[in-house]
Amino acid sequence: MALIKSISGIRGTIGGKPGEGLTPLDVVKFTAAYGSWIISHTKNPKVVIGRDARISGEMVSKLVTATLQGLGIDVIDLGLSTTPTVELAVPLEKAGGGIILTASHNPIQWNALKLLNDKGEFISDAEGKAILESAESENFAFAEVRKLGQYTLIEDYIDRHVAHVLELKLVDVEAIKARKFKVVVDAVNSTGGIAVPKLLRALGVDNIEEMYCTPDGHFPHNPEPLPENLRDIADKLHRGKYDLGIVVDPDVDRLCFMNEDGSPFGEEYTLVAVADYVLSQTPGNTVSNLSSTRALRDVTEKRGGTYQAAAVGEVNVVNKMKETNAIIGGEGNGGVIYPESHYGRDALVGIGLFLTHLAKFGKSISMLRATYPNYHISKNKIELTPEIDVDKILEAIKSKYSKHPINDVDGVKIEFEKEWVHLRKSNTEPIIRIYSESETLATAEHLANKIILDIKELISGT
């Protein structure tokens, strides 16, 4: 069993003993701490909740709802929903915050509570720490019977979300409709199975092959949208006459595409392609996290904009986007953040923009992919013994490569012309994660191995 508490929420495996897994007691305690924070920040406490289709979702939702009502907080329940749908709903409902019940790309035994502020954005580091402290100290009090919160169920918010996407100026429904796309969708039997086909039909896509679109929470494969987990849709594309494949994770904030021959477009390139289209229409700046592909910087600078890198984590990307007035940003895991819509990763917004781009491009998706720089990322890690000072190791690496451009806002990232390596320490165990990128996978792996050897030499010399 596992239970992980962080500033962005709490996640864990269902069952086990309190404090060791995500048990009902842990859900109630953490929800109560968040609800108490909401009460201290608003005069009319109200919280929007929504969940993905995990089989534990209904149970967790009932616990969260009852706890919030017990605190005197009104609950707006969107039922089966998506992360970006809840994010949109919070300000529209004039709520003090929101809770998304999803463990994102984690396997079926996991669930989680993701916490939002009154803007529908993830809470800050300081706010998260305050809520964690409140949960640990059980510093909350429940309302008396006459002041219990009210409960309202609104089940059409995905439809409202779809309508919102269609209203975006850069989403061209007529262009998409004219292309008569034939699309395969893999929604891993979660709420993307509701949202993505609805959106596609609203965009004028009539020929849709739905794979794993029954929102019953029984994931047919590992739900993280990586190539090794997408063999079924790849095979269907390879054997059929489709234009592209669309894959989302269980809570529909990550998005990746598949080429017409079944090969991956590359989740790193979801944001690259969408940003390229947005920049072609409205020039400006972009942001992604330090571990995302350099290709976004390339297309941004080609379009006359400025690229900035943020620390890993959606809240950090959003903060950097606001700071630099970026018009598009996100993360290399297929997360598109388009401020014209809202400050959150949104696969539905990404689909609307991408299909418009592809429709106007007028050729195949694989030909579109060929227009972008071709980079490869290698992901590695080195496990250390607990007594080793990881911060000292990172400082030594930074010193060794001081002649190269270095970004130390989140670990150490070293630039080598069009190659880079990013070292980040784990917050929970003695591990350094090493990400590297180059124009070939072999070169990226060679670069990572060189840094690993440097670290080993530093350790042996201490």
Protein backbone atom coordinates (compact mmCIF):
# COMPACT_ATOMS: atom_id res chain seq x y z
CA MET A 1 0.00 0.00 0.00
CA ALA A 2 1.12 3.56 -0.64
CA LEU A 3 0.06 7.03 0.49
CA ILE A 4 1.78 10.12 -0.88
CA LYS A 5 1.06 13.56 0.52
CA SER A 6 2.21 16.60 -1.42
CA ILE A 7 1.41 20.29 -1.78
CA SER A 8 -0.88 19.53 -4.73
CA GLY A 9 -3.01 16.93 -2.93
CA ILE A 10 -2.99 13.41 -1.63
CA ARG A 11 -2.79 10.18 -3.62
CA GLY A 12 -2.48 6.55 -2.78
CA THR A 13 -3.61 3.00 -3.30
CA ILE A 14 -7.09 2.13 -2.09
CA GLY A 15 -7.30 0.07 1.10
CA GLY A 16 -4.96 -0.92 3.91
CA LYS A 17 -4.38 0.75 7.23
CA PRO A 18 -4.91 4.50 7.79
CA GLY A 19 -1.76 6.41 6.96
CA GLU A 20 -0.44 3.59 4.78
CA GLY A 21 -2.98 3.64 1.94
CA LEU A 22 -5.74 5.92 0.73
CA THR A 23 -8.35 4.79 3.26
CA PRO A 24 -11.68 6.48 4.03
CA LEU A 25 -10.12 7.99 7.16
CA ASP A 26 -7.32 9.56 5.11
CA VAL A 27 -9.79 10.94 2.56
CA VAL A 28 -11.95 12.49 5.27
CA LYS A 29 -9.05 14.00 7.19
CA PHE A 30 -7.44 15.54 4.12
CA THR A 31 -10.75 16.82 2.74
CA ALA A 32 -11.54 18.38 6.11
CA ALA A 33 -8.21 20.20 6.12
CA TYR A 34 -8.83 21.52 2.61
CA GLY A 35 -12.41 22.48 3.45
CA SER A 36 -11.25 24.38 6.52
CA TRP A 37 -8.81 26.27 4.32
CA ILE A 38 -11.68 27.10 1.93
CA ILE A 39 -13.79 28.42 4.85
CA SER A 40 -10.94 30.69 5.95
CA HIS A 41 -10.63 32.14 2.45
CA THR A 42 -14.23 32.84 1.45
CA LYS A 43 -17.42 34.24 2.96
CA ASN A 44 -19.66 31.89 0.97
CA PRO A 45 -17.89 28.52 0.99
CA LYS A 46 -18.63 26.37 -2.04
CA VAL A 47 -16.54 23.61 -3.67
CA VAL A 48 -16.87 21.99 -7.10
CA ILE A 49 -15.99 18.29 -7.31
CA GLY A 50 -15.71 15.89 -10.23
CA ARG A 51 -14.18 12.47 -10.77
CA ASP A 52 -12.71 10.23 -13.42
CA ALA A 53 -14.21 6.76 -13.95
CA ARG A 54 -12.04 4.78 -11.52
CA ILE A 55 -13.97 2.04 -9.75
CA SER A 56 -13.08 3.63 -6.39
CA GLY A 57 -14.31 7.04 -7.55
CA GLU A 58 -17.91 6.80 -6.38
CA MET A 59 -16.85 5.77 -2.87
CA VAL A 60 -14.25 8.53 -2.61
CA SER A 61 -16.72 11.08 -3.99
CA LYS A 62 -19.30 10.23 -1.31
CA LEU A 63 -16.66 10.60 1.42
CA VAL A 64 -15.49 13.96 0.06
CA THR A 65 -19.04 15.25 -0.38
CA ALA A 66 -20.16 14.27 3.12
CA THR A 67 -17.04 15.75 4.70
CA LEU A 68 -17.44 19.09 2.93
CA GLN A 69 -21.14 19.25 3.81
CA GLY A 70 -20.24 18.39 7.40
CA LEU A 71 -18.01 21.44 7.46
CA GLY A 72 -20.89 23.62 6.25
CA ILE A 73 -19.62 23.84 2.66
CA ASP A 74 -21.97 23.66 -0.34
CA VAL A 75 -20.97 21.03 -2.89
CA ILE A 76 -21.42 21.30 -6.66
CA ASP A 77 -20.92 17.76 -7.96
CA LEU A 78 -20.16 17.36 -11.68
CA GLY A 79 -20.21 13.56 -11.41
CA LEU A 80 -18.13 11.81 -14.07
CA SER A 81 -15.97 14.62 -15.37
CA THR A 82 -12.46 15.62 -16.40
CA THR A 83 -9.76 17.62 -14.67
CA PRO A 84 -10.03 20.59 -17.08
CA THR A 85 -13.84 20.53 -16.87
CA VAL A 86 -13.67 20.99 -13.09
CA GLU A 87 -11.07 23.72 -13.56
CA LEU A 88 -13.43 25.59 -15.89
CA ALA A 89 -16.43 25.07 -13.59
CA VAL A 90 -14.89 26.53 -10.41
CA PRO A 91 -14.94 30.21 -11.48
CA LEU A 92 -18.16 29.76 -13.48
CA GLU A 93 -19.89 28.51 -10.30
CA LYS A 94 -18.23 31.25 -8.23
CA ALA A 95 -16.83 28.55 -5.95
CA GLY A 96 -14.04 28.90 -3.43
CA GLY A 97 -12.21 25.93 -4.90
CA GLY A 98 -12.44 22.52 -6.45
CA ILE A 99 -11.42 18.91 -5.86
CA ILE A 100 -10.72 16.53 -8.72
CA LEU A 101 -10.92 12.87 -7.73
CA THR A 102 -8.37 11.25 -10.00
CA ALA A 103 -4.98 9.61 -9.85
CA SER A 104 -4.31 10.80 -13.41
CA HIS A 105 -2.19 8.22 -15.27
CA ASN A 106 -1.66 5.93 -12.25
CA PRO A 107 -2.98 2.33 -12.42
CA ILE A 108 -6.44 1.21 -11.34
CA GLN A 109 -5.65 0.66 -7.63
CA TRP A 110 -4.75 4.34 -7.18
CA ASN A 111 -6.93 7.37 -6.53
CA ALA A 112 -6.23 10.92 -5.44
CA LEU A 113 -7.56 14.34 -4.52
CA LYS A 114 -6.26 17.22 -6.64
CA LEU A 115 -6.88 20.62 -5.09
CA LEU A 116 -7.86 23.87 -6.84
CA ASN A 117 -8.19 27.49 -5.73
CA ASP A 118 -11.04 29.86 -6.58
CA LYS A 119 -9.58 30.48 -10.06
CA GLY A 120 -9.77 26.80 -10.90
CA GLU A 121 -5.98 26.55 -10.76
CA PHE A 122 -3.84 24.28 -8.62
CA ILE A 123 -3.13 25.64 -5.15
CA SER A 124 0.26 27.21 -4.42
CA ASP A 125 3.17 25.69 -2.54
CA ALA A 126 2.42 27.74 0.59
CA GLU A 127 -1.29 26.87 0.50
CA GLY A 128 -0.52 23.18 0.06
CA LYS A 129 1.85 23.17 3.01
CA ALA A 130 -0.75 24.87 5.22
CA ILE A 131 -3.36 22.24 4.29
CA LEU A 132 -0.92 19.40 4.98
CA GLU A 133 -0.14 20.86 8.41
CA SER A 134 -3.85 21.21 9.16
CA ALA A 135 -4.47 17.59 8.18
CA GLU A 136 -1.65 16.32 10.38
CA SER A 137 -2.80 18.32 13.40
CA GLU A 138 -6.50 17.66 12.68
CA ASN A 139 -7.05 21.39 13.12
CA PHE A 140 -10.64 21.57 11.88
CA ALA A 141 -14.15 21.72 13.30
CA PHE A 142 -17.43 20.53 11.80
CA ALA A 143 -20.67 22.50 11.53
CA GLU A 144 -23.75 22.02 13.69
CA VAL A 145 -26.85 20.48 12.12
CA ARG A 146 -28.55 23.69 10.99
CA LYS A 147 -25.46 24.84 9.10
CA LEU A 148 -24.63 21.76 7.03
CA GLY A 149 -23.69 22.38 3.41
CA GLN A 150 -26.07 21.87 0.48
CA TYR A 151 -25.54 19.38 -2.35
CA THR A 152 -26.19 20.05 -6.05
CA LEU A 153 -25.55 17.66 -8.93
CA ILE A 154 -24.85 19.19 -12.37
CA GLU A 155 -24.31 16.55 -15.04
CA ASP A 156 -23.96 18.61 -18.24
CA TYR A 157 -20.63 20.32 -17.62
CA ILE A 158 -18.78 18.22 -20.20
CA ASP A 159 -21.29 19.56 -22.76
CA ARG A 160 -20.54 23.08 -21.54
CA HIS A 161 -16.82 22.35 -21.83
CA VAL A 162 -17.27 21.17 -25.43
CA ALA A 163 -19.24 24.33 -26.25
CA HIS A 164 -16.43 26.39 -24.70
CA VAL A 165 -13.84 24.76 -26.98
CA LEU A 166 -15.94 25.49 -30.06
CA GLU A 167 -16.14 29.16 -29.07
CA LEU A 168 -12.34 29.61 -29.05
CA LYS A 169 -11.31 31.94 -31.90
CA LEU A 170 -8.51 29.67 -33.13
CA VAL A 171 -10.71 26.55 -33.32
CA ASP A 172 -12.06 26.43 -36.88
CA VAL A 173 -15.00 24.02 -36.95
CA GLU A 174 -15.66 24.48 -40.66
CA ALA A 175 -12.06 23.67 -41.59
CA ILE A 176 -12.13 20.51 -39.46
CA LYS A 177 -15.50 19.43 -40.84
CA ALA A 178 -14.30 19.92 -44.42
CA ARG A 179 -11.40 17.50 -43.93
CA LYS A 180 -13.76 14.62 -43.04
CA PHE A 181 -11.24 13.11 -40.64
CA LYS A 182 -11.47 9.43 -39.75
CA VAL A 183 -10.33 9.14 -36.16
CA VAL A 184 -9.61 6.34 -33.68
CA VAL A 185 -9.98 7.25 -29.98
CA ASP A 186 -8.48 5.39 -26.99
CA ALA A 187 -9.90 6.82 -23.76
CA VAL A 188 -8.75 3.96 -21.47
CA ASN A 189 -12.37 3.38 -20.29
CA SER A 190 -12.49 6.62 -18.34
CA THR A 191 -14.23 9.95 -18.77
CA GLY A 192 -12.39 10.75 -21.98
CA GLY A 193 -14.74 8.15 -23.45
CA ILE A 194 -17.57 10.61 -22.80
CA ALA A 195 -15.79 13.87 -23.56
CA VAL A 196 -13.62 13.16 -26.62
CA PRO A 197 -16.30 11.62 -28.90
CA LYS A 198 -18.72 14.44 -27.91
CA LEU A 199 -16.12 17.02 -28.86
CA LEU A 200 -15.23 15.32 -32.13
CA ARG A 201 -18.87 15.14 -33.23
CA ALA A 202 -19.36 18.80 -32.31
CA LEU A 203 -16.31 19.59 -34.47
CA GLY A 204 -17.90 17.82 -37.43
CA VAL A 205 -15.94 14.57 -37.20
CA ASP A 206 -18.48 11.85 -38.02
CA ASN A 207 -16.23 8.86 -38.61
CA ILE A 208 -15.05 7.89 -35.11
CA GLU A 209 -13.78 4.46 -34.06
CA GLU A 210 -14.17 4.30 -30.27
CA MET A 211 -11.72 2.06 -28.44
CA TYR A 212 -12.04 1.70 -24.67
CA CYS A 213 -14.56 4.53 -24.39
CA THR A 214 -16.88 2.87 -21.83
CA PRO A 215 -16.38 4.90 -18.61
CA ASP A 216 -16.38 1.96 -16.19
CA GLY A 217 -12.85 2.42 -14.84
CA HIS A 218 -11.57 -0.97 -15.98
CA PHE A 219 -8.41 0.18 -17.71
CA PRO A 220 -7.56 -2.21 -20.59
CA HIS A 221 -3.86 -1.30 -20.39
CA ASN A 222 -1.52 0.86 -18.34
CA PRO A 223 -3.32 4.24 -18.52
CA GLU A 224 -0.22 6.35 -19.06
CA PRO A 225 -0.32 7.33 -22.78
CA LEU A 226 3.15 6.10 -23.71
CA PRO A 227 3.92 4.18 -26.95
CA GLU A 228 4.52 0.89 -25.13
CA ASN A 229 0.97 1.07 -23.71
CA LEU A 230 -0.75 1.91 -27.00
CA ARG A 231 -0.22 -1.23 -29.08
CA ASP A 232 -3.96 -1.83 -29.64
CA ILE A 233 -4.68 1.56 -31.19
CA ALA A 234 -1.41 1.40 -33.13
CA ASP A 235 -2.47 -1.95 -34.61
CA LYS A 236 -5.93 -0.65 -35.53
CA LEU A 237 -4.44 2.40 -37.26
CA HIS A 238 -1.90 0.24 -39.08
CA ARG A 239 -4.62 -2.09 -40.39
CA GLY A 240 -7.29 0.50 -41.15
CA LYS A 241 -7.75 3.60 -43.26
CA TYR A 242 -7.78 6.26 -40.59
CA ASP A 243 -6.28 9.75 -40.57
CA LEU A 244 -5.07 9.76 -36.96
CA GLY A 245 -5.48 8.40 -33.47
CA ILE A 246 -6.25 10.37 -30.31
CA VAL A 247 -5.28 9.12 -26.85
CA VAL A 248 -6.03 10.71 -23.47
CA ASP A 249 -5.28 9.69 -19.90
CA PRO A 250 -8.05 8.91 -17.36
CA ASP A 251 -8.68 12.53 -16.32
CA VAL A 252 -8.21 14.03 -19.81
CA ASP A 253 -5.46 16.55 -19.13
CA ARG A 254 -2.80 14.67 -21.11
CA LEU A 255 -3.10 14.25 -24.86
CA CYS A 256 -1.17 12.38 -27.48
CA PHE A 257 -1.70 11.61 -31.13
CA MET A 258 -0.94 8.64 -33.34
CA ASN A 259 0.01 8.88 -36.99
CA GLU A 260 -2.10 7.30 -39.72
CA ASP A 261 0.30 4.32 -39.92
CA GLY A 262 0.12 3.60 -36.18
CA SER A 263 3.43 5.24 -35.30
CA PRO A 264 3.42 7.76 -32.43
CA PHE A 265 3.30 11.47 -33.22
CA GLY A 266 5.17 11.81 -29.91
CA GLU A 267 3.58 13.19 -26.75
CA GLU A 268 6.39 15.74 -26.47
CA TYR A 269 5.23 17.06 -29.84
CA THR A 270 1.57 17.57 -28.87
CA LEU A 271 2.48 20.91 -27.30
CA VAL A 272 5.01 21.70 -30.05
CA ALA A 273 2.41 21.34 -32.83
CA VAL A 274 -0.36 23.18 -30.98
CA ALA A 275 2.04 25.99 -30.04
CA ASP A 276 3.25 26.26 -33.63
CA TYR A 277 -0.34 26.78 -34.79
CA VAL A 278 -1.19 29.29 -32.05
CA LEU A 279 2.04 31.24 -32.69
CA SER A 280 1.29 31.36 -36.41
CA GLN A 281 -1.96 33.16 -35.62
CA THR A 282 -1.05 35.19 -32.53
CA PRO A 283 2.73 35.70 -32.08
CA GLY A 284 3.98 35.65 -28.51
CA ASN A 285 5.94 33.77 -25.87
CA THR A 286 5.88 30.14 -24.71
CA VAL A 287 6.75 28.16 -21.58
CA SER A 288 7.33 24.49 -20.80
CA ASN A 289 9.10 22.73 -17.97
CA LEU A 290 12.83 22.06 -17.86
CA SER A 291 12.43 18.40 -18.82
CA SER A 292 10.44 19.08 -22.00
CA THR A 293 11.78 18.98 -25.54
CA ARG A 294 13.86 21.77 -27.02
CA ALA A 295 11.60 21.65 -30.09
CA LEU A 296 9.19 24.11 -28.44
CA ARG A 297 12.00 26.64 -28.11
CA ASP A 298 12.90 26.09 -31.77
CA VAL A 299 9.39 26.70 -33.12
CA THR A 300 8.89 29.66 -30.75
CA GLU A 301 12.05 31.42 -31.86
CA LYS A 302 11.27 30.63 -35.51
CA ARG A 303 7.95 32.43 -35.03
CA GLY A 304 9.71 35.41 -33.42
CA GLY A 305 8.73 34.66 -29.81
CA THR A 306 10.68 34.03 -26.62
CA TYR A 307 10.77 30.69 -24.84
CA GLN A 308 11.18 30.27 -21.07
CA ALA A 309 11.65 27.11 -19.01
CA ALA A 310 9.91 26.56 -15.67
CA ALA A 311 10.48 24.14 -12.82
CA VAL A 312 8.72 20.80 -13.24
CA GLY A 313 5.08 20.86 -12.11
CA GLU A 314 1.97 22.42 -13.62
CA VAL A 315 1.69 25.17 -11.02
CA ASN A 316 5.28 26.24 -11.80
CA VAL A 317 4.60 26.31 -15.54
CA VAL A 318 1.46 28.40 -14.98
CA ASN A 319 3.33 30.87 -12.77
CA LYS A 320 6.07 31.29 -15.38
CA MET A 321 3.45 31.73 -18.12
CA LYS A 322 1.81 34.54 -16.17
CA GLU A 323 5.19 36.10 -15.44
CA THR A 324 6.23 36.11 -19.13
CA ASN A 325 2.74 36.74 -20.56
CA ALA A 326 3.02 33.51 -22.56
CA ILE A 327 0.19 32.79 -25.00
CA ILE A 328 0.70 29.02 -24.96
CA GLY A 329 2.57 26.60 -22.73
CA GLY A 330 2.44 23.29 -20.95
CA GLU A 331 4.43 20.16 -20.30
CA GLY A 332 6.08 17.62 -22.55
CA ASN A 333 3.82 14.83 -21.30
CA GLY A 334 1.11 16.01 -23.68
CA GLY A 335 -0.22 18.77 -21.45
CA VAL A 336 -1.44 21.86 -23.33
CA ILE A 337 -2.15 25.06 -21.37
CA TYR A 338 -3.89 27.75 -23.41
CA PRO A 339 -4.62 30.90 -21.34
CA GLU A 340 -7.26 32.08 -23.83
CA SER A 341 -9.27 29.18 -22.37
CA HIS A 342 -7.90 28.74 -18.83
CA TYR A 343 -4.66 28.09 -16.97
CA GLY A 344 -4.79 24.30 -16.86
CA ARG A 345 -3.74 21.35 -19.01
CA ASP A 346 -6.70 20.58 -21.23
CA ALA A 347 -6.82 17.74 -23.76
CA LEU A 348 -10.13 18.95 -25.23
CA VAL A 349 -8.72 22.39 -25.98
CA GLY A 350 -5.62 20.68 -27.38
CA ILE A 351 -7.73 18.52 -29.70
CA GLY A 352 -9.64 21.53 -31.04
CA LEU A 353 -6.46 23.47 -31.78
CA PHE A 354 -4.54 20.50 -33.17
CA LEU A 355 -7.29 19.38 -35.55
CA THR A 356 -7.64 22.93 -36.82
CA HIS A 357 -3.88 23.01 -37.43
CA LEU A 358 -3.94 19.65 -39.21
CA ALA A 359 -6.98 20.63 -41.28
CA LYS A 360 -5.36 23.85 -42.45
CA PHE A 361 -2.04 22.05 -43.09
CA GLY A 362 -3.91 19.96 -45.64
CA LYS A 363 -1.66 16.91 -45.57
CA SER A 364 -1.25 13.82 -43.36
CA ILE A 365 -0.42 13.91 -39.68
CA SER A 366 2.88 12.12 -40.30
CA MET A 367 3.83 14.83 -42.81
CA LEU A 368 2.97 17.47 -40.21
CA ARG A 369 5.23 15.71 -37.70
CA ALA A 370 8.05 15.72 -40.27
CA THR A 371 8.00 19.54 -40.34
CA TYR A 372 9.29 19.74 -36.75
CA PRO A 373 12.82 19.28 -35.37
CA ASN A 374 13.43 15.65 -34.44
CA TYR A 375 14.70 15.28 -30.89
CA HIS A 376 14.82 12.25 -28.60
CA ILE A 377 14.67 12.23 -24.79
CA SER A 378 16.32 9.56 -22.65
CA LYS A 379 15.10 9.10 -19.07
CA ASN A 380 17.40 7.51 -16.50
CA LYS A 381 18.06 7.53 -12.78
CA ILE A 382 20.90 6.74 -10.42
CA GLU A 383 20.16 5.31 -6.98
CA LEU A 384 22.34 6.50 -4.15
CA THR A 385 22.87 5.37 -0.58
CA PRO A 386 21.02 7.43 2.06
CA GLU A 387 24.19 8.93 3.53
CA ILE A 388 25.21 10.60 0.26
CA ASP A 389 24.54 14.35 0.13
CA VAL A 390 22.57 14.70 -3.12
CA ASP A 391 22.65 18.52 -3.03
CA LYS A 392 26.43 18.42 -2.77
CA ILE A 393 26.63 16.12 -5.79
CA LEU A 394 24.45 18.45 -7.86
CA GLU A 395 26.57 21.45 -6.86
CA ALA A 396 29.70 19.58 -7.94
CA ILE A 397 28.16 18.76 -11.33
CA LYS A 398 27.17 22.39 -11.74
CA SER A 399 30.73 23.46 -11.00
CA LYS A 400 32.21 20.90 -13.41
CA TYR A 401 30.08 22.20 -16.29
CA SER A 402 30.12 25.87 -15.33
CA LYS A 403 31.35 26.91 -18.80
CA HIS A 404 28.01 25.80 -20.26
CA PRO A 405 24.63 27.53 -19.81
CA ILE A 406 23.07 26.20 -16.59
CA ASN A 407 19.57 26.55 -15.14
CA ASP A 408 19.34 25.61 -11.45
CA VAL A 409 15.74 26.64 -10.71
CA ASP A 410 14.84 22.95 -10.37
CA GLY A 411 17.87 20.72 -9.95
CA VAL A 412 20.57 21.31 -12.56
CA LYS A 413 20.00 21.61 -16.32
CA ILE A 414 23.06 21.91 -18.56
CA GLU A 415 22.79 23.07 -22.18
CA PHE A 416 25.15 21.72 -24.85
CA GLU A 417 24.21 23.65 -28.00
CA LYS A 418 21.12 21.66 -29.14
CA GLU A 419 21.53 18.98 -26.47
CA TRP A 420 20.75 19.15 -22.77
CA VAL A 421 20.79 17.09 -19.59
CA HIS A 422 18.56 17.74 -16.57
CA LEU A 423 19.29 16.34 -13.11
CA ARG A 424 16.60 16.37 -10.43
CA LYS A 425 16.68 14.83 -6.99
CA SER A 426 13.77 12.86 -5.62
CA ASN A 427 11.97 14.38 -2.64
CA THR A 428 11.23 10.98 -1.12
CA GLU A 429 14.27 8.77 -1.77
CA PRO A 430 18.01 9.04 -2.51
CA ILE A 431 17.67 9.11 -6.30
CA ILE A 432 18.84 11.53 -8.97
CA ARG A 433 16.65 11.48 -12.06
CA ILE A 434 18.56 12.21 -15.25
CA TYR A 435 16.80 13.40 -18.41
CA SER A 436 18.77 14.09 -21.57
CA GLU A 437 17.86 15.11 -25.11
CA SER A 438 19.64 15.02 -28.43
CA GLU A 439 18.91 14.61 -32.12
CA THR A 440 19.32 10.82 -31.76
CA LEU A 441 18.34 8.54 -28.90
CA ALA A 442 21.80 6.97 -28.86
CA THR A 443 23.45 10.37 -28.35
CA ALA A 444 20.93 11.29 -25.63
CA GLU A 445 21.70 8.04 -23.81
CA HIS A 446 25.44 8.60 -24.24
CA LEU A 447 25.07 12.06 -22.69
CA ALA A 448 23.14 10.62 -19.74
CA ASN A 449 25.73 7.88 -19.22
CA LYS A 450 28.51 10.46 -19.22
CA ILE A 451 26.79 12.39 -16.42
CA ILE A 452 26.18 9.15 -14.50
CA LEU A 453 29.90 8.37 -14.71
CA ASP A 454 30.68 11.88 -13.46
CA ILE A 455 28.41 11.32 -10.47
CA LYS A 456 29.99 7.95 -9.69
CA GLU A 457 33.47 9.51 -9.82
CA LEU A 458 32.34 12.25 -7.44
CA ILE A 459 30.95 9.66 -5.04
CA SER A 460 34.09 7.50 -5.12
CA GLY A 461 36.21 10.59 -4.50
CA THR A 462 34.34 11.59 -1.33
